[in-house]
Protein backbone atom coordinates (compact mmCIF):
# COMPACT_ATOMS: atom_id res chain seq x y z
CA MET A 1 -27.27 -25.57 51.64
CA SER A 2 -27.69 -23.14 48.28
CA ALA A 3 -29.50 -19.64 48.81
CA SER A 4 -32.88 -21.60 47.01
CA GLY A 5 -32.60 -24.33 48.88
CA THR A 6 -32.54 -22.04 52.16
CA ALA A 7 -35.35 -20.37 50.65
CA ALA A 8 -37.11 -23.51 50.36
CA ALA A 9 -36.56 -24.96 53.59
CA GLY A 10 -37.69 -21.56 55.11
CA GLN A 11 -41.03 -21.54 52.72
CA ALA A 12 -42.05 -25.05 53.98
CA ALA A 13 -41.24 -23.85 57.96
CA GLY A 14 -43.49 -20.80 57.11
CA GLN A 15 -46.18 -23.33 56.04
CA VAL A 16 -45.99 -25.70 58.66
CA GLU A 17 -46.15 -22.96 61.45
CA HIS A 18 -48.97 -21.03 59.68
CA LEU A 19 -51.23 -24.50 59.60
CA LEU A 20 -49.91 -25.16 63.31
CA SER A 21 -51.85 -21.79 64.27
CA GLN A 22 -54.73 -22.59 62.28
CA VAL A 23 -55.32 -26.22 64.31
CA THR A 24 -57.84 -25.92 66.89
CA PRO A 25 -60.07 -28.34 68.71
CA GLY A 26 -62.15 -30.04 66.25
CA ARG A 27 -60.57 -28.87 63.24
CA TYR A 28 -59.94 -31.92 61.87
CA ASP A 29 -59.11 -30.68 58.41
CA ALA A 30 -56.62 -28.06 59.83
CA TYR A 31 -54.61 -30.84 61.65
CA GLU A 32 -55.00 -33.01 58.28
CA ALA A 33 -53.48 -30.21 56.39
CA LEU A 34 -50.85 -29.45 59.02
CA LEU A 35 -49.80 -33.84 58.83
CA HIS A 36 -49.31 -33.13 55.17
CA ALA A 37 -47.20 -30.00 55.83
CA LEU A 38 -45.19 -32.07 58.17
CA ALA A 39 -44.54 -34.88 56.09
CA ASP A 40 -42.88 -32.75 53.15
CA GLY A 41 -41.16 -30.54 55.46
CA ARG A 42 -38.59 -30.51 58.27
CA LEU A 43 -38.34 -30.24 61.83
CA TRP A 44 -35.90 -29.19 64.59
CA MET A 45 -35.48 -32.38 66.87
CA LEU A 46 -34.13 -31.50 70.24
CA LEU A 47 -31.08 -33.42 71.07
CA TRP A 48 -30.77 -34.36 75.50
CA HIS A 49 -27.60 -35.96 74.86
CA GLY A 50 -24.84 -36.08 71.85
CA GLN A 51 -24.42 -34.23 68.68
CA ALA A 52 -26.36 -34.71 65.36
CA GLY A 53 -25.24 -38.14 63.64
CA SER A 54 -22.99 -39.00 66.51
CA PRO A 55 -23.62 -42.77 67.95
CA ASP A 56 -24.66 -41.43 71.40
CA ALA A 57 -27.33 -38.50 70.13
CA GLN A 58 -30.61 -38.82 72.14
CA TYR A 59 -33.66 -37.16 71.40
CA GLY A 60 -35.58 -35.25 74.63
CA ASN A 61 -38.35 -36.88 75.73
CA MET A 62 -41.59 -35.85 77.33
CA GLU A 63 -44.70 -37.71 78.39
CA VAL A 64 -48.39 -36.35 78.30
CA ASP A 65 -51.38 -38.26 79.21
CA GLY A 66 -49.40 -41.59 79.13
CA LEU A 67 -47.89 -41.15 75.82
CA GLY A 68 -44.10 -40.20 75.01
CA TYR A 69 -43.10 -37.50 72.89
CA ALA A 70 -39.96 -36.04 71.30
CA PRO A 71 -39.63 -32.12 71.39
CA CYS A 72 -38.93 -30.24 68.49
CA VAL A 73 -39.25 -27.02 66.75
CA THR A 74 -40.71 -26.17 63.43
CA SER A 75 -37.65 -23.28 62.06
CA THR A 76 -34.52 -21.88 63.46
CA GLN A 77 -36.95 -18.82 64.38
CA GLU A 78 -38.51 -21.12 66.87
CA LEU A 79 -35.05 -22.70 67.95
CA ALA A 80 -33.87 -19.45 69.03
CA ALA A 81 -37.19 -18.38 70.59
CA SER A 82 -37.25 -22.01 72.61
CA GLY A 83 -33.65 -21.17 74.45
CA TRP A 84 -32.43 -24.38 73.77
CA ASN A 85 -28.99 -24.37 74.53
CA ARG A 86 -28.13 -28.20 73.65
CA ALA A 87 -27.71 -29.74 70.18
CA HIS A 88 -30.25 -30.48 67.48
CA GLU A 89 -30.77 -32.25 64.08
CA VAL A 90 -32.55 -31.23 61.44
CA ILE A 91 -34.83 -34.31 59.63
CA SER A 92 -37.46 -34.26 57.38
CA GLY A 93 -41.06 -35.13 58.79
CA ARG A 94 -41.26 -38.52 56.87
CA ASP A 95 -38.04 -39.81 58.19
CA ILE A 96 -38.59 -38.39 61.66
CA ALA A 97 -42.02 -40.61 61.56
CA ARG A 98 -40.28 -43.55 60.21
CA ALA A 99 -37.96 -43.46 63.31
CA LEU A 100 -40.24 -43.02 66.02
CA TYR A 101 -43.38 -44.42 65.53
CA PRO A 102 -42.19 -48.12 65.70
CA GLU A 103 -41.30 -47.19 69.46
CA ARG A 104 -44.87 -46.01 69.51
CA TRP A 105 -42.81 -41.97 70.01
CA GLY A 106 -44.69 -39.09 69.03
CA ILE A 107 -43.35 -35.71 68.59
CA TRP A 108 -44.16 -32.57 69.96
CA LEU A 109 -44.21 -29.31 68.15
CA ASN A 110 -42.85 -26.11 69.97
CA PRO A 111 -43.15 -26.77 73.29
CA HIS A 112 -42.06 -23.25 74.32
CA ALA A 113 -44.88 -21.48 72.51
CA PRO A 114 -47.91 -19.79 73.89
CA GLY A 115 -50.56 -22.70 74.86
CA GLY A 116 -47.69 -25.36 75.02
CA GLY A 117 -47.68 -26.11 71.38
CA LEU A 118 -48.66 -29.34 69.42
CA GLY A 119 -48.64 -32.86 69.95
CA ILE A 120 -48.57 -35.18 67.17
CA PRO A 121 -49.10 -38.76 68.66
CA TRP A 122 -47.24 -41.95 67.38
CA PRO A 123 -50.57 -43.37 65.20
CA ASP A 124 -50.46 -40.15 63.15
CA LEU A 125 -46.42 -40.63 62.87
CA ARG A 126 -47.47 -43.63 61.29
CA ARG A 127 -49.62 -42.34 58.90
CA ILE A 128 -47.11 -39.89 57.80
CA ALA A 129 -44.44 -42.75 57.55
CA THR A 130 -46.48 -44.96 55.44
CA GLY A 131 -48.70 -42.60 53.51
CA LEU A 132 -51.48 -40.33 54.66
CA ASP A 133 -54.28 -41.28 52.05
CA ARG A 134 -53.55 -45.03 52.59
CA MET A 135 -54.94 -45.10 56.43
CA PRO A 136 -57.94 -43.11 57.77
CA ALA A 137 -58.07 -39.77 59.62
CA GLY A 138 -58.19 -39.99 63.22
CA PRO A 139 -59.30 -39.61 66.02
CA LEU A 140 -61.42 -42.86 64.85
CA LYS A 141 -64.35 -43.92 66.22
CA LEU A 142 -65.10 -47.64 66.60
CA SER A 143 -68.24 -49.87 67.08
CA GLU A 144 -69.66 -53.22 66.08
CA PRO A 145 -71.45 -53.07 62.75
CA ALA A 146 -75.23 -52.29 62.58
CA ILE A 147 -75.71 -52.73 59.50
CA GLU A 148 -77.35 -55.75 58.20
CA ILE A 149 -75.88 -57.67 55.46
CA PRO A 150 -76.26 -61.04 56.12
CA GLN A 151 -75.50 -62.40 52.67
CA PHE A 152 -72.09 -60.89 52.70
CA TYR A 153 -71.20 -62.35 56.07
CA ALA A 154 -72.24 -66.15 55.16
CA LEU A 155 -70.37 -65.72 51.70
CA LEU A 156 -67.56 -64.51 53.24
CA THR A 157 -67.57 -67.20 56.25
CA GLN A 158 -67.78 -69.88 53.41
CA ASN A 159 -64.69 -68.49 51.17
CA ALA A 160 -62.94 -68.09 54.29
CA HIS A 161 -63.28 -71.72 55.16
CA ARG A 162 -62.14 -72.75 51.54
CA THR A 163 -59.03 -70.50 52.52
CA PRO A 164 -56.91 -72.05 54.71
CA ALA A 165 -54.55 -69.55 55.80
CA VAL A 166 -57.42 -67.93 57.39
CA ARG A 167 -57.74 -68.17 61.03
CA SER A 168 -60.51 -66.02 61.86
CA LEU A 169 -62.15 -62.99 60.73
CA ARG A 170 -63.68 -60.03 62.89
CA ARG A 171 -65.45 -57.02 61.97
CA ALA A 172 -65.72 -53.24 62.97
CA TRP A 173 -67.33 -50.17 61.61
CA VAL A 174 -65.18 -47.37 61.31
CA GLN A 175 -65.58 -43.61 61.25
CA PRO A 176 -62.61 -41.49 60.39
CA ALA A 177 -62.41 -37.89 61.58
CA LEU A 178 -62.62 -37.13 57.63
CA GLY A 179 -63.74 -38.91 55.26
CA THR A 180 -66.73 -41.91 54.76
CA PRO A 181 -67.45 -44.44 57.16
CA TYR A 182 -66.64 -48.08 56.45
CA LEU A 183 -66.64 -52.15 57.39
CA ALA A 184 -63.34 -53.04 58.00
CA ILE A 185 -62.47 -56.83 58.16
CA GLY A 186 -59.72 -58.03 60.55
CA LEU A 187 -58.20 -60.85 58.81
CA ASP A 188 -55.99 -63.52 61.07
CA LEU A 189 -53.88 -65.77 59.10
CA TYR A 190 -52.33 -68.69 59.76
CA ASP A 191 -49.42 -68.28 57.23
CA THR A 192 -48.62 -64.54 55.69
CA GLY A 193 -46.41 -65.67 52.83
CA GLN A 194 -47.31 -64.67 49.57
CA ALA A 195 -49.20 -67.24 48.45
CA ALA A 196 -51.09 -67.21 51.35
CA VAL A 197 -51.40 -63.68 51.15
CA ASP A 198 -52.96 -63.90 47.34
CA ALA A 199 -55.39 -66.34 48.24
CA VAL A 200 -56.88 -64.33 50.97
CA ARG A 201 -56.95 -61.27 48.48
CA ALA A 202 -58.86 -63.65 46.11
CA MET A 203 -61.32 -64.59 48.74
CA MET A 204 -62.26 -61.03 49.18
CA ARG A 205 -62.64 -60.37 45.70
CA GLN A 206 -65.04 -63.07 45.34
CA THR A 207 -67.00 -62.14 48.20
CA VAL A 208 -67.13 -58.11 47.73
CA ALA A 209 -70.12 -58.69 45.10
CA ALA A 210 -72.34 -59.36 47.59
CA VAL A 211 -71.39 -56.30 49.29
CA PRO A 212 -74.81 -54.00 48.96
CA ASP A 213 -74.04 -51.05 46.12
CA GLY A 214 -72.21 -48.09 48.23
CA LEU A 215 -70.83 -49.61 50.91
CA PRO A 216 -67.16 -49.63 51.68
CA VAL A 217 -65.26 -52.61 52.95
CA SER A 218 -61.45 -52.68 53.87
CA THR A 219 -59.13 -55.15 55.44
CA VAL A 220 -56.83 -54.79 58.54
CA ALA A 221 -54.37 -57.48 59.37
CA MET A 222 -54.70 -58.95 63.03
CA SER A 223 -51.10 -59.01 62.89
CA ASP A 224 -50.18 -55.49 62.38
CA GLU A 225 -49.19 -54.22 66.10
CA TYR A 226 -49.64 -50.62 65.17
CA ASP A 227 -53.49 -50.20 63.07
CA PRO A 228 -55.61 -48.59 65.90
CA VAL A 229 -58.65 -50.52 64.04
CA THR A 230 -56.92 -54.24 64.68
CA MET A 231 -55.79 -53.18 68.19
CA TRP A 232 -59.59 -52.33 68.67
CA LEU A 233 -60.66 -55.67 67.30
CA ARG A 234 -58.28 -57.48 69.62
CA ALA A 235 -59.79 -56.18 72.37
CA ASN A 236 -63.26 -55.78 71.76
CA ALA A 237 -64.73 -57.90 68.73
CA ARG A 238 -65.30 -61.71 68.76
CA PRO A 239 -64.60 -63.26 65.70
CA PHE A 240 -67.40 -64.02 63.41
CA TYR A 241 -65.36 -66.63 61.66
CA ASP A 242 -63.12 -68.70 63.75
CA ARG A 243 -61.74 -71.79 61.66
CA GLU A 244 -60.80 -73.84 65.25
CA ALA A 245 -64.24 -73.16 66.86
CA HIS A 246 -65.84 -74.39 63.59
CA ALA A 247 -63.75 -77.51 63.86
CA THR A 248 -64.96 -78.66 67.02
CA ALA A 249 -68.72 -77.57 66.66
CA PRO A 250 -71.52 -78.46 64.24
CA LEU A 251 -72.59 -75.20 62.32
CA VAL A 252 -76.11 -74.17 62.32
CA PRO A 253 -76.92 -72.48 58.44
CA GLY A 254 -77.82 -68.83 58.71
CA ALA A 255 -77.33 -68.23 62.71
CA GLY A 256 -75.25 -65.45 63.59
CA TYR A 257 -73.65 -64.84 60.22
CA GLY A 258 -70.65 -67.09 60.91
CA TYR A 259 -70.73 -67.11 64.61
CA PRO A 260 -69.92 -70.47 66.02
CA PRO A 261 -73.18 -71.99 67.52
CA ARG A 262 -73.65 -71.04 71.37
CA GLY A 263 -74.00 -74.01 73.96
């Protein structure tokens, strides 16, 4: 690495460590800034087996509150302070996020530091890997929507019934740690091919006209195994539109905003 590259790497590591020192319980703004710095920075991943780049290389692992983490340090200085005497691998924050989140592993920064360092759980690595500005900042507060918008739900139900790719629809009220709360619509599709996806996008465009001004609405795919909103919907939300239930039971206009009638 050139002298200028070494200086840039040291500056990035210094920014990560400065922001790491700012993170305290409830300081979601500082934590979010740290995630941005990690995405553009580098990490020194501690290898339990093998050498960097070798087929048998294996990261260390630790478990905290039932979640798995790979320990790492944030600079050569922290590597020396940790006393780690095995191999390590230097990798960008975005690349390690892409590698670990599909296996539901997070990273633990500077576990040797006073206070034990800081864990970045896998849902936040997913945000780093796929784009921090594309997904809501956690931790998320999820609940059934309390806002009454029957016209929107009625129109969405009608349009979903006319869109063969849609199996069912669910809904949640999402309050991010930072940013504006919004209504999330979970899309469960029979077909995820491009034609079906385009038809569902058209369905949503036709429906958003019924959304009251100032109410943000987003969609999530019920097939996404990693989205925290999707996981909450699967566990807690009853479909407000279910094509198969509609096929076997008569609809009562306006009843339950698309819920099948109760027996």
